[in-house]
Amino acid sequence: MERRDAAGLLGLVAAVVEKLDDELVELRRDLHRHPEVSWSEQRTCDQVVAHLERAGWQVTRMPRSGVVADLGHGATTVALRADLDALPVPDLTPHPWRSSVDGVAHACGHDVHTSALVGAAHALGEIHAQGLLPGRVRLIFQPAEEVMPGGAKHLISHGALEGVDRIFALHCDPSVDVGAVGLRSGPITSAADRIDVRLEGSGGHTSRPHLTGDLTFALAKITSELPAVLSRRMDPRAGVSVVWGMLRAGSAPNVIPDHGIASGTVRILDAEAWASCEAVVREAVLDIVRPYGVTASVDYLQGVPPVVNDRLSVAMVASAADDLLGLHHRTEVEQSLGGEDFGWYLEHVPGAMFRLGTRTPGGPRFDLHQGDFEADEAAVGFGAQMLAGVALNALTSGK
């Protein structure tokens, strides 16, 4: 397909999305009002299915949760993925569409992701209805991105990637202005694992630590020394980071407890280091506690791999951004230590995740996973255009 024909398709994408803008924003508000945590996204799936069927897609409800839909014909299949789940945090935003579910909110922007992919579905559906879709597109509305190891593995095991040649996704970025996108070739997120270290000892009185295992002191050594050990045992270029989110031991100031736990995350920039980190952690924990007369057990959950963007796929995103958003509306972003289970898809097929700007220019910068997170709602339309546009670019590239 010649470039002028591709440009015409992108113009049609923009027109369809603009016509649906109010409806897409209202969908986003509806999803925001009714957030559902991981593996519970049934109402959200119902909303998605209604839109997809209206747009002419062949829709499949996945076991447990999630939706996969297909459209078009041809030798090349491009997949687009959005995540569905909300977070177990309270909604602190002031809007009429704030969460109606106590303690649950779309604080990571998945309502934006889902609404944007629905918008792309309508645009691609119109192109297909006119006989202009140059291949096959699969939409993956994925549950449970917010839990480890993530819903991506569940959908992959049920065939979501069968026949797929390339896959794309977006993620809200409150550091990028709305109307712009952030791109990066290579790793754009890190691996993220969970670690729980449980200690047990005989317990005793704080006046006689020499007669018992000083479990609290040993727990403190774990929290401070494990990161230090990893900084020497692992390649420093791998960017291994251990951060503790929970410490629990004891109930009185003069009692040495007989059990305690330290829980946190291990984040790693490099995929090779990720593969070897668990063994180093387990060995280091045992060495650290050995002098203190306590026993240690380690629960290590290997969560998600880094998201490593394919260079050609990033070029397809960049081309769509230039055509749809205009020159100078894309920026290069740094690798994040955040985890994303989109990395599981990229273990099977090439693809890319890009950052969708959600910050109102000149407005406050919100952080993800916080109850006060807000996204400029214009991001929904821009995201819809970008997802449809990059799918068309990938289908027309012939690669």
Protein backbone atom coordinates (compact mmCIF):
# COMPACT_ATOMS: atom_id res chain seq x y z
CA MET A 1 0.00 0.00 0.00
CA GLU A 2 1.38 3.40 -0.96
CA ARG A 3 2.01 6.06 1.66
CA ARG A 4 -0.79 8.31 0.37
CA ASP A 5 -3.23 5.43 0.86
CA ALA A 6 -1.93 4.82 4.38
CA ALA A 7 -2.29 8.53 5.11
CA GLY A 8 -5.90 8.35 3.95
CA LEU A 9 -6.59 5.52 6.39
CA LEU A 10 -5.06 7.53 9.24
CA GLY A 11 -7.27 10.44 8.29
CA LEU A 12 -10.29 8.15 8.53
CA VAL A 13 -9.10 6.97 11.94
CA ALA A 14 -8.90 10.54 13.20
CA ALA A 15 -12.37 11.35 11.84
CA VAL A 16 -14.03 8.32 13.45
CA VAL A 17 -12.39 8.90 16.81
CA GLU A 18 -13.27 12.60 16.77
CA LYS A 19 -16.91 11.76 16.06
CA LEU A 20 -16.94 9.32 18.99
CA ASP A 21 -14.99 11.52 21.39
CA ASP A 22 -17.86 12.31 23.77
CA GLU A 23 -18.96 8.67 23.84
CA LEU A 24 -15.43 7.46 24.59
CA VAL A 25 -15.03 9.96 27.42
CA GLU A 26 -18.34 8.86 28.87
CA LEU A 27 -17.20 5.23 28.65
CA ARG A 28 -14.04 6.15 30.53
CA ARG A 29 -16.10 7.90 33.22
CA ASP A 30 -18.41 4.90 33.52
CA LEU A 31 -15.45 2.55 33.97
CA HIS A 32 -13.95 4.95 36.48
CA ARG A 33 -17.19 4.99 38.47
CA HIS A 34 -17.32 1.18 38.52
CA PRO A 35 -13.75 -0.07 39.00
CA GLU A 36 -13.08 -3.79 39.37
CA VAL A 37 -9.95 -5.32 40.88
CA SER A 38 -7.87 -8.06 39.27
CA TRP A 39 -9.83 -11.12 38.05
CA SER A 40 -13.18 -9.43 38.85
CA GLU A 41 -13.56 -7.36 35.67
CA GLN A 42 -16.90 -8.83 34.55
CA ARG A 43 -18.89 -5.59 34.27
CA THR A 44 -15.96 -3.98 32.48
CA CYS A 45 -15.87 -6.89 30.02
CA ASP A 46 -19.61 -6.51 29.43
CA GLN A 47 -19.11 -2.87 28.44
CA VAL A 48 -16.23 -3.77 26.13
CA VAL A 49 -18.14 -6.60 24.43
CA ALA A 50 -21.13 -4.35 23.71
CA HIS A 51 -18.90 -1.86 21.90
CA LEU A 52 -16.96 -4.50 19.98
CA GLU A 53 -20.06 -6.26 18.73
CA ARG A 54 -21.49 -2.93 17.60
CA ALA A 55 -18.26 -2.27 15.68
CA GLY A 56 -18.42 -5.63 13.89
CA TRP A 57 -15.71 -7.60 15.69
CA GLN A 58 -15.70 -11.35 16.31
CA VAL A 59 -15.67 -11.47 20.11
CA THR A 60 -14.55 -14.21 22.52
CA ARG A 61 -15.00 -14.01 26.30
CA MET A 62 -11.98 -15.60 27.92
CA PRO A 63 -12.15 -18.07 30.83
CA ARG A 64 -12.29 -16.33 34.22
CA SER A 65 -11.93 -12.79 32.78
CA GLY A 66 -10.87 -10.90 29.68
CA VAL A 67 -11.96 -10.41 26.07
CA VAL A 68 -10.26 -11.21 22.76
CA ALA A 69 -11.65 -9.96 19.45
CA ASP A 70 -10.65 -10.41 15.82
CA LEU A 71 -11.30 -8.50 12.61
CA GLY A 72 -10.13 -8.76 9.01
CA HIS A 73 -8.26 -11.26 6.89
CA GLY A 74 -4.75 -11.69 5.60
CA ALA A 75 -1.35 -13.16 6.25
CA THR A 76 -0.34 -10.63 8.89
CA THR A 77 -1.99 -10.26 12.30
CA VAL A 78 -1.29 -7.32 14.59
CA ALA A 79 -2.49 -7.35 18.21
CA LEU A 80 -3.38 -4.40 20.42
CA ARG A 81 -3.62 -4.87 24.18
CA ALA A 82 -5.31 -2.93 26.98
CA ASP A 83 -5.54 -3.86 30.66
CA LEU A 84 -8.84 -3.80 32.54
CA ASP A 85 -8.27 -3.93 36.29
CA ALA A 86 -8.31 -1.25 38.98
CA LEU A 87 -6.30 -0.97 42.19
CA PRO A 88 -7.33 -1.54 45.82
CA VAL A 89 -6.81 2.12 46.77
CA PRO A 90 -9.39 4.77 47.65
CA ASP A 91 -10.42 7.28 45.00
CA LEU A 92 -9.49 10.77 46.21
CA THR A 93 -10.52 12.66 43.07
CA PRO A 94 -13.30 15.29 43.32
CA HIS A 95 -15.27 14.52 40.16
CA PRO A 96 -18.86 13.28 39.85
CA TRP A 97 -17.49 10.14 38.17
CA ARG A 98 -15.25 9.23 41.10
CA SER A 99 -15.30 5.58 42.15
CA SER A 100 -18.53 4.26 43.64
CA VAL A 101 -16.65 1.26 45.10
CA ASP A 102 -15.09 1.83 48.52
CA GLY A 103 -11.34 1.33 48.50
CA VAL A 104 -11.06 0.64 44.76
CA ALA A 105 -9.98 3.10 42.06
CA HIS A 106 -8.56 3.32 38.57
CA ALA A 107 -5.39 4.92 39.92
CA CYS A 108 -3.17 3.60 37.13
CA GLY A 109 -5.23 4.73 34.15
CA HIS A 110 -6.48 1.36 32.95
CA ASP A 111 -9.88 2.97 32.36
CA VAL A 112 -8.11 5.24 29.86
CA HIS A 113 -6.33 2.27 28.26
CA THR A 114 -9.57 0.31 27.85
CA SER A 115 -11.54 3.27 26.48
CA ALA A 116 -8.76 4.11 24.03
CA LEU A 117 -8.69 0.57 22.68
CA VAL A 118 -12.48 0.61 22.32
CA GLY A 119 -12.08 3.80 20.28
CA ALA A 120 -9.46 2.11 18.11
CA ALA A 121 -11.86 -0.82 17.66
CA HIS A 122 -14.54 1.50 16.29
CA ALA A 123 -12.08 3.20 13.91
CA LEU A 124 -10.69 -0.09 12.62
CA GLY A 125 -14.23 -1.46 12.35
CA GLU A 126 -15.20 1.43 10.07
CA ILE A 127 -12.13 0.87 7.92
CA HIS A 128 -13.00 -2.82 7.63
CA ALA A 129 -16.62 -2.02 6.76
CA GLN A 130 -15.33 0.05 3.84
CA GLY A 131 -13.19 -2.88 2.67
CA LEU A 132 -9.95 -1.04 3.42
CA LEU A 133 -8.44 -2.99 6.35
CA PRO A 134 -5.11 -4.33 4.98
CA GLY A 135 -4.82 -7.38 7.22
CA ARG A 136 -6.01 -8.89 10.46
CA VAL A 137 -6.19 -7.19 13.87
CA ARG A 138 -6.65 -8.83 17.25
CA LEU A 139 -7.70 -6.89 20.34
CA ILE A 140 -6.69 -8.21 23.75
CA PHE A 141 -8.54 -6.77 26.74
CA GLN A 142 -6.54 -8.30 29.54
CA PRO A 143 -7.45 -8.84 33.20
CA ALA A 144 -5.21 -8.73 36.26
CA GLU A 145 -2.24 -6.65 35.17
CA GLU A 146 -1.86 -5.36 38.73
CA VAL A 147 -1.06 -8.72 40.32
CA MET A 148 1.95 -10.97 39.83
CA PRO A 149 2.68 -12.75 37.55
CA GLY A 150 -0.17 -11.00 35.73
CA GLY A 151 -3.13 -11.86 33.55
CA ALA A 152 -1.01 -11.84 30.38
CA LYS A 153 0.23 -15.37 31.06
CA HIS A 154 -3.39 -16.52 31.53
CA LEU A 155 -4.48 -15.16 28.15
CA ILE A 156 -1.37 -16.44 26.40
CA SER A 157 -2.09 -19.92 27.77
CA HIS A 158 -5.57 -19.69 26.24
CA GLY A 159 -4.28 -18.83 22.77
CA ALA A 160 -4.43 -15.03 22.72
CA LEU A 161 -1.17 -14.83 20.77
CA GLU A 162 -1.81 -17.66 18.32
CA GLY A 163 -1.16 -16.37 14.81
CA VAL A 164 -0.08 -12.93 16.04
CA ASP A 165 2.96 -11.40 14.30
CA ARG A 166 3.38 -8.20 16.33
CA ILE A 167 1.78 -6.59 19.39
CA PHE A 168 1.42 -3.04 20.75
CA ALA A 169 0.15 -1.39 23.93
CA LEU A 170 0.13 1.99 25.60
CA HIS A 171 0.42 3.15 29.20
CA CYS A 172 -0.63 6.43 30.79
CA ASP A 173 2.31 8.69 31.66
CA PRO A 174 1.55 11.68 33.91
CA SER A 175 4.98 13.16 33.17
CA VAL A 176 4.14 13.60 29.46
CA ASP A 177 1.70 16.27 28.26
CA VAL A 178 -1.57 15.16 26.71
CA GLY A 179 -1.32 15.05 22.94
CA ALA A 180 2.20 13.64 23.04
CA VAL A 181 3.67 10.16 23.38
CA GLY A 182 6.86 8.82 24.91
CA LEU A 183 8.93 6.20 23.08
CA ARG A 184 11.94 4.04 23.88
CA SER A 185 13.67 1.24 22.00
CA GLY A 186 14.90 -1.62 24.13
CA PRO A 187 13.85 -1.96 27.78
CA ILE A 188 11.17 0.53 28.82
CA THR A 189 10.16 -1.10 32.14
CA SER A 190 11.98 -3.39 34.55
CA ALA A 191 11.45 -6.86 35.87
CA ALA A 192 9.49 -6.87 39.12
CA ASP A 193 9.49 -9.70 41.68
CA ARG A 194 8.07 -10.08 45.17
CA ILE A 195 10.08 -11.31 48.14
CA ASP A 196 8.89 -12.41 51.59
CA VAL A 197 11.54 -13.31 54.18
CA ARG A 198 10.18 -15.10 57.24
CA LEU A 199 12.33 -15.52 60.35
CA GLU A 200 11.72 -17.86 63.30
CA GLY A 201 13.52 -18.12 66.61
CA SER A 202 13.03 -19.10 70.24
CA GLY A 203 12.01 -15.64 71.45
CA GLY A 204 12.80 -14.21 74.88
CA HIS A 205 13.34 -11.15 77.06
CA THR A 206 15.22 -8.14 75.73
CA SER A 207 17.41 -8.20 78.85
CA ARG A 208 18.85 -11.57 77.78
CA PRO A 209 19.45 -11.47 74.00
CA HIS A 210 22.43 -13.80 74.45
CA LEU A 211 20.06 -16.58 75.59
CA THR A 212 17.84 -16.40 72.54
CA GLY A 213 18.00 -15.59 68.86
CA ASP A 214 17.61 -11.82 68.50
CA LEU A 215 15.07 -12.08 65.72
CA THR A 216 14.26 -8.37 65.48
CA PHE A 217 17.92 -7.48 65.07
CA ALA A 218 18.31 -10.19 62.42
CA LEU A 219 15.26 -8.84 60.58
CA ALA A 220 16.82 -5.38 60.58
CA LYS A 221 20.03 -6.82 59.18
CA ILE A 222 18.07 -8.45 56.36
CA THR A 223 16.43 -5.17 55.37
CA SER A 224 19.71 -3.26 55.27
CA GLU A 225 22.22 -5.86 54.17
CA LEU A 226 20.37 -7.75 51.41
CA PRO A 227 20.35 -4.68 49.11
CA ALA A 228 24.04 -4.16 49.90
CA VAL A 229 24.92 -7.77 49.12
CA LEU A 230 23.07 -7.65 45.80
CA SER A 231 24.94 -4.47 44.85
CA ARG A 232 28.16 -6.52 45.03
CA ARG A 233 26.96 -9.94 43.85
CA MET A 234 25.01 -8.68 40.82
CA ASP A 235 26.30 -6.66 37.87
CA PRO A 236 25.70 -3.02 38.90
CA ARG A 237 24.64 -2.25 35.32
CA ALA A 238 21.63 -4.53 35.88
CA GLY A 239 20.11 -1.94 38.22
CA VAL A 240 18.94 -4.35 40.93
CA SER A 241 16.78 -2.54 43.50
CA VAL A 242 15.33 -4.07 46.68
CA VAL A 243 12.78 -1.95 48.53
CA TRP A 244 10.84 -3.16 51.56
CA GLY A 245 7.18 -2.28 51.91
CA MET A 246 6.30 -4.21 55.07
CA LEU A 247 8.15 -5.21 58.26
CA ARG A 248 6.31 -7.04 61.00
CA ALA A 249 7.68 -8.49 64.24
CA GLY A 250 6.85 -8.34 67.93
CA SER A 251 4.14 -6.82 70.10
CA ALA A 252 5.99 -5.35 73.11
CA PRO A 253 9.17 -3.28 73.50
CA ASN A 254 10.77 -5.67 76.03
CA VAL A 255 10.02 -8.97 74.25
CA ILE A 256 12.15 -10.53 71.53
CA PRO A 257 9.55 -12.13 69.22
CA ASP A 258 9.72 -15.67 67.92
CA HIS A 259 8.70 -14.81 64.35
CA GLY A 260 8.78 -11.91 61.93
CA ILE A 261 8.51 -11.07 58.24
CA ALA A 262 9.97 -8.59 55.78
CA SER A 263 8.14 -8.16 52.46
CA GLY A 264 9.14 -6.09 49.47
CA THR A 265 9.94 -6.01 45.79
CA VAL A 266 13.02 -6.72 43.73
CA ARG A 267 13.27 -4.70 40.52
CA ILE A 268 15.82 -5.41 37.82
CA LEU A 269 16.53 -3.54 34.60
CA ASP A 270 18.27 -6.42 32.82
CA ALA A 271 16.62 -9.65 31.67
CA GLU A 272 19.73 -11.83 32.13
CA ALA A 273 20.24 -10.59 35.68
CA TRP A 274 16.56 -11.24 36.37
CA ALA A 275 17.03 -14.90 35.52
CA SER A 276 19.79 -15.34 38.13
CA CYS A 277 18.66 -13.01 40.91
CA GLU A 278 16.45 -15.40 42.87
CA ALA A 279 19.28 -17.83 43.60
CA VAL A 280 21.54 -15.01 44.82
CA VAL A 281 18.80 -13.65 47.09
CA ARG A 282 18.14 -17.01 48.71
CA GLU A 283 21.82 -17.65 49.39
CA ALA A 284 22.41 -14.14 50.74
CA VAL A 285 19.48 -14.27 53.18
CA LEU A 286 20.76 -17.48 54.78
CA ASP A 287 24.26 -16.04 55.09
CA ILE A 288 23.01 -12.81 56.69
CA VAL A 289 20.95 -14.46 59.46
CA ARG A 290 23.35 -17.31 60.24
CA PRO A 291 25.18 -15.53 63.14
CA TYR A 292 21.96 -14.60 65.00
CA GLY A 293 20.53 -18.00 65.94
CA VAL A 294 17.36 -17.74 63.87
CA THR A 295 16.09 -19.63 60.84
CA ALA A 296 14.98 -18.04 57.60
CA SER A 297 12.66 -19.05 54.77
CA VAL A 298 12.32 -17.12 51.54
CA ASP A 299 9.22 -16.94 49.35
CA TYR A 300 10.36 -15.48 46.03
CA LEU A 301 7.74 -14.82 43.36
CA GLN A 302 9.22 -14.10 39.97
CA GLY A 303 6.69 -11.54 38.79
CA VAL A 304 7.16 -10.03 35.33
CA PRO A 305 10.09 -9.67 32.93
CA PRO A 306 11.26 -6.33 31.56
CA VAL A 307 9.27 -4.90 28.67
CA VAL A 308 11.86 -4.86 25.88
CA ASN A 309 10.61 -2.87 22.89
CA ASP A 310 11.51 -4.07 19.41
CA ARG A 311 13.25 -1.31 17.43
CA LEU A 312 11.17 -1.78 14.27
CA SER A 313 7.94 -1.73 16.29
CA VAL A 314 8.99 1.53 17.96
CA ALA A 315 9.63 3.01 14.51
CA MET A 316 6.04 2.10 13.56
CA VAL A 317 4.76 3.90 16.66
CA ALA A 318 6.93 6.93 15.86
CA SER A 319 5.57 7.09 12.31
CA ALA A 320 1.98 6.96 13.56
CA ALA A 321 2.71 9.71 16.09
CA ASP A 322 4.21 11.96 13.43
CA ASP A 323 1.23 11.48 11.12
CA LEU A 324 -1.54 11.68 13.73
CA LEU A 325 -0.19 14.01 16.41
CA GLY A 326 2.25 16.06 14.37
CA LEU A 327 5.99 16.47 14.43
CA HIS A 328 7.60 17.20 17.80
CA HIS A 329 4.78 15.44 19.68
CA ARG A 330 6.87 12.45 20.63
CA THR A 331 9.67 12.27 23.12
CA GLU A 332 12.17 9.69 24.27
CA VAL A 333 11.51 8.42 27.80
CA GLU A 334 13.76 6.74 30.33
CA GLN A 335 13.45 3.14 31.42
CA SER A 336 11.14 2.82 34.40
CA LEU A 337 11.64 0.56 37.41
CA GLY A 338 7.92 -0.15 37.31
CA GLY A 339 6.83 -3.65 36.30
CA GLU A 340 4.39 -4.43 33.47
CA ASP A 341 3.17 -7.87 32.46
CA PHE A 342 3.12 -6.79 28.80
CA GLY A 343 6.66 -8.15 28.92
CA TRP A 344 5.24 -11.69 28.83
CA TYR A 345 3.78 -11.07 25.36
CA LEU A 346 7.14 -9.82 24.11
CA GLU A 347 8.70 -13.11 25.18
CA HIS A 348 6.74 -14.63 22.25
CA VAL A 349 6.37 -11.95 19.54
CA PRO A 350 8.01 -8.60 18.78
CA GLY A 351 6.21 -5.42 19.70
CA ALA A 352 6.32 -2.23 21.71
CA MET A 353 4.68 -0.35 24.53
CA PHE A 354 4.57 3.43 24.35
CA ARG A 355 3.73 6.12 26.88
CA LEU A 356 0.51 8.09 26.46
CA GLY A 357 0.68 11.64 27.77
CA THR A 358 -2.02 12.37 30.37
CA ARG A 359 -0.80 15.61 31.96
CA THR A 360 -2.76 18.77 31.25
CA PRO A 361 -0.15 21.25 29.95
CA GLY A 362 0.76 23.59 32.80
CA GLY A 363 -1.30 21.55 35.26
CA PRO A 364 -0.21 19.47 38.25
CA ARG A 365 1.73 16.26 37.79
CA PHE A 366 0.00 13.29 39.40
CA ASP A 367 1.65 10.00 40.25
CA LEU A 368 0.40 6.56 39.26
CA HIS A 369 -0.99 4.23 41.92
CA GLN A 370 -2.09 7.16 44.06
CA GLY A 371 -5.72 7.85 44.91
CA ASP A 372 -5.55 11.40 43.56
CA PHE A 373 -4.29 10.34 40.11
CA GLU A 374 -6.09 12.20 37.33
CA ALA A 375 -5.70 11.92 33.56
CA ASP A 376 -6.60 14.65 31.11
CA GLU A 377 -9.55 13.04 29.33
CA ALA A 378 -8.35 14.20 25.93
CA ALA A 379 -5.83 11.37 26.28
CA VAL A 380 -8.57 8.85 25.47
CA GLY A 381 -9.00 10.12 21.92
CA PHE A 382 -5.28 10.50 21.31
CA GLY A 383 -4.73 6.96 22.59
CA ALA A 384 -7.46 5.58 20.33
CA GLN A 385 -5.93 7.23 17.28
CA MET A 386 -2.46 6.01 18.15
CA LEU A 387 -3.51 2.39 18.71
CA ALA A 388 -5.46 2.22 15.45
CA GLY A 389 -2.73 4.10 13.61
CA VAL A 390 0.11 1.87 14.73
CA ALA A 391 -1.91 -1.23 13.83
CA LEU A 392 -2.38 0.11 10.30
CA ASN A 393 1.31 1.02 10.07
CA ALA A 394 2.30 -2.48 11.12
CA LEU A 395 -0.10 -4.08 8.62
CA THR A 396 1.03 -1.91 5.72
CA SER A 397 4.76 -2.18 6.42
CA GLY A 398 4.91 -5.69 5.00
CA LYS A 399 7.30 -6.77 7.76
